[in-house]
């Protein structure tokens, strides 16, 4: 059993939780979130290819919106997937896969067990929220 200080696999790393100043705080927290999510998925015994595919989608979305998860919005989701379907002619199954990866990433970082919401609030004055909902995502047919 891990101690309360360490937290669950994928939780905020101790060097960030302590509140010490870090260079490039936004990029450091973003990288730690991705590393924590990788650890959480690995602990679930998911295939490395699956983990990497999901991480790639999350990074592509972050690059597209130009902000970090604690600032993502539902309109950005709409814009990203509108472009994916209309301009890139992405398939329905790929769209579902992308939305699922992004939804799962946000579920991970907003889960209180991992501590990312509190960390983002204390460091950036904002926090991540789930922006993938039934009304802005495709349905499996």
Protein backbone atom coordinates (compact mmCIF):
# COMPACT_ATOMS: atom_id res chain seq x y z
CA UNK A 1 0.00 0.00 0.00
CA UNK A 2 1.32 3.44 -0.91
CA UNK A 3 1.39 6.19 1.68
CA UNK A 4 -1.03 9.10 1.65
CA UNK A 5 1.84 11.43 0.77
CA UNK A 6 2.57 9.55 -2.44
CA UNK A 7 -1.06 9.10 -3.43
CA UNK A 8 -2.42 6.71 -6.03
CA UNK A 9 -0.61 5.78 -9.23
CA UNK A 10 -0.87 8.75 -11.56
CA UNK A 11 -1.45 11.29 -8.78
CA UNK A 12 0.21 14.68 -8.65
CA UNK A 13 3.95 14.07 -8.16
CA UNK A 14 5.33 15.05 -4.77
CA UNK A 15 7.64 17.70 -6.26
CA UNK A 16 4.61 19.52 -7.69
CA UNK A 17 2.25 18.96 -4.76
CA UNK A 18 4.66 20.66 -2.37
CA UNK A 19 4.05 24.01 -4.04
CA UNK A 20 7.70 24.62 -4.88
CA UNK A 21 8.26 26.94 -7.81
CA UNK A 22 9.14 25.22 -11.07
CA UNK A 23 10.34 26.63 -14.35
CA UNK A 24 7.71 26.63 -17.08
CA UNK A 25 4.97 25.63 -14.64
CA UNK A 26 2.26 25.11 -17.26
CA UNK A 27 4.40 22.81 -19.42
CA UNK A 28 5.71 20.97 -16.35
CA UNK A 29 2.20 20.28 -15.04
CA UNK A 30 1.01 19.25 -18.54
CA UNK A 31 3.91 16.77 -18.88
CA UNK A 32 3.22 15.41 -15.39
CA UNK A 33 -0.47 14.94 -16.24
CA UNK A 34 0.43 12.95 -19.34
CA UNK A 35 2.96 10.86 -17.41
CA UNK A 36 0.44 10.23 -14.64
CA UNK A 37 -2.23 9.20 -17.13
CA UNK A 38 0.24 6.82 -18.77
CA UNK A 39 1.00 5.28 -15.37
CA UNK A 40 -2.71 4.96 -14.56
CA UNK A 41 -3.43 3.25 -17.89
CA UNK A 42 -0.40 0.99 -17.53
CA UNK A 43 -1.60 -0.07 -14.08
CA UNK A 44 -4.87 -1.08 -15.78
CA UNK A 45 -2.81 -3.41 -18.01
CA UNK A 46 -3.64 -1.57 -21.23
CA UNK A 47 -1.47 -2.20 -24.27
CA UNK A 48 1.33 0.30 -24.88
CA UNK A 49 -0.02 0.93 -28.39
CA UNK A 50 -3.42 1.87 -26.95
CA UNK A 51 -1.86 4.19 -24.40
CA UNK A 52 0.30 5.90 -27.01
CA UNK A 53 -2.62 6.29 -29.45
CA UNK A 54 -4.71 7.97 -26.75
CA UNK A 55 -1.83 10.21 -25.66
CA UNK A 56 -1.31 11.27 -29.25
CA UNK A 57 -4.95 12.34 -29.58
CA UNK A 58 -4.80 14.33 -26.33
CA UNK A 59 -1.60 16.07 -27.45
CA UNK A 60 -3.11 16.82 -30.86
CA UNK A 61 -6.14 18.44 -29.21
CA UNK A 62 -3.93 20.45 -26.83
CA UNK A 63 -1.86 21.67 -29.76
CA UNK A 64 -4.99 22.58 -31.73
CA UNK A 65 -6.61 24.64 -28.96
CA UNK A 66 -3.31 26.14 -27.81
CA UNK A 67 -4.14 25.87 -24.13
CA UNK A 68 -3.81 23.39 -21.30
CA UNK A 69 -6.60 21.17 -19.93
CA UNK A 70 -7.46 23.53 -17.09
CA UNK A 71 -8.59 26.04 -19.73
CA UNK A 72 -10.31 23.74 -22.25
CA UNK A 73 -13.91 24.59 -23.19
CA UNK A 74 -16.85 22.86 -24.85
CA UNK A 75 -16.80 25.30 -27.82
CA UNK A 76 -13.21 24.23 -28.50
CA UNK A 77 -14.41 20.63 -28.61
CA UNK A 78 -17.07 21.60 -31.16
CA UNK A 79 -14.57 23.49 -33.30
CA UNK A 80 -11.97 20.70 -33.25
CA UNK A 81 -14.45 18.02 -34.29
CA UNK A 82 -16.19 20.23 -36.83
CA UNK A 83 -12.83 20.69 -38.55
CA UNK A 84 -12.11 16.96 -38.20
CA UNK A 85 -15.36 15.97 -39.92
CA UNK A 86 -15.79 18.75 -42.49
CA UNK A 87 -12.27 19.66 -43.54
CA UNK A 88 -10.44 16.41 -42.88
CA UNK A 89 -13.36 14.11 -43.69
CA UNK A 90 -12.65 12.01 -40.60
CA UNK A 91 -14.65 8.85 -40.20
CA UNK A 92 -17.34 8.36 -37.57
CA UNK A 93 -15.38 5.55 -35.88
CA UNK A 94 -12.20 7.64 -35.67
CA UNK A 95 -14.17 10.57 -34.28
CA UNK A 96 -15.63 8.27 -31.59
CA UNK A 97 -12.17 7.00 -30.75
CA UNK A 98 -10.74 10.53 -30.43
CA UNK A 99 -13.65 11.74 -28.30
CA UNK A 100 -13.35 8.68 -26.08
CA UNK A 101 -9.62 9.25 -25.52
CA UNK A 102 -10.15 12.90 -24.67
CA UNK A 103 -13.10 12.14 -22.38
CA UNK A 104 -11.05 9.50 -20.52
CA UNK A 105 -8.11 11.86 -20.10
CA UNK A 106 -10.35 14.50 -18.59
CA UNK A 107 -12.04 11.92 -16.36
CA UNK A 108 -8.60 11.06 -15.07
CA UNK A 109 -7.48 14.64 -14.35
CA UNK A 110 -10.77 15.74 -12.76
CA UNK A 111 -10.94 12.68 -10.50
CA UNK A 112 -10.32 13.96 -6.94
CA UNK A 113 -8.23 10.87 -6.16
CA UNK A 114 -5.40 12.18 -8.35
CA UNK A 115 -5.25 15.78 -7.11
CA UNK A 116 -4.90 17.60 -10.44
CA UNK A 117 -7.88 19.93 -9.92
CA UNK A 118 -6.50 21.21 -6.63
CA UNK A 119 -3.00 21.59 -8.06
CA UNK A 120 -4.23 23.58 -11.07
CA UNK A 121 -6.41 25.78 -8.92
CA UNK A 122 -3.54 26.60 -6.56
CA UNK A 123 -1.00 27.17 -9.34
CA UNK A 124 -3.04 28.73 -12.13
CA UNK A 125 -6.26 30.00 -10.55
CA UNK A 126 -8.23 27.70 -12.86
CA UNK A 127 -8.95 24.00 -12.97
CA UNK A 128 -9.86 21.31 -15.50
CA UNK A 129 -13.48 20.31 -16.01
CA UNK A 130 -15.08 17.61 -18.12
CA UNK A 131 -15.99 19.28 -21.44
CA UNK A 132 -17.08 16.10 -23.26
CA UNK A 133 -20.76 15.46 -22.65
CA UNK A 134 -23.63 13.61 -24.25
CA UNK A 135 -24.73 16.77 -26.07
CA UNK A 136 -21.37 17.49 -27.79
CA UNK A 137 -20.09 14.01 -28.63
CA UNK A 138 -21.03 11.43 -31.22
CA UNK A 139 -23.05 8.37 -30.35
CA UNK A 140 -21.98 4.85 -31.10
CA UNK A 141 -24.23 3.43 -33.81
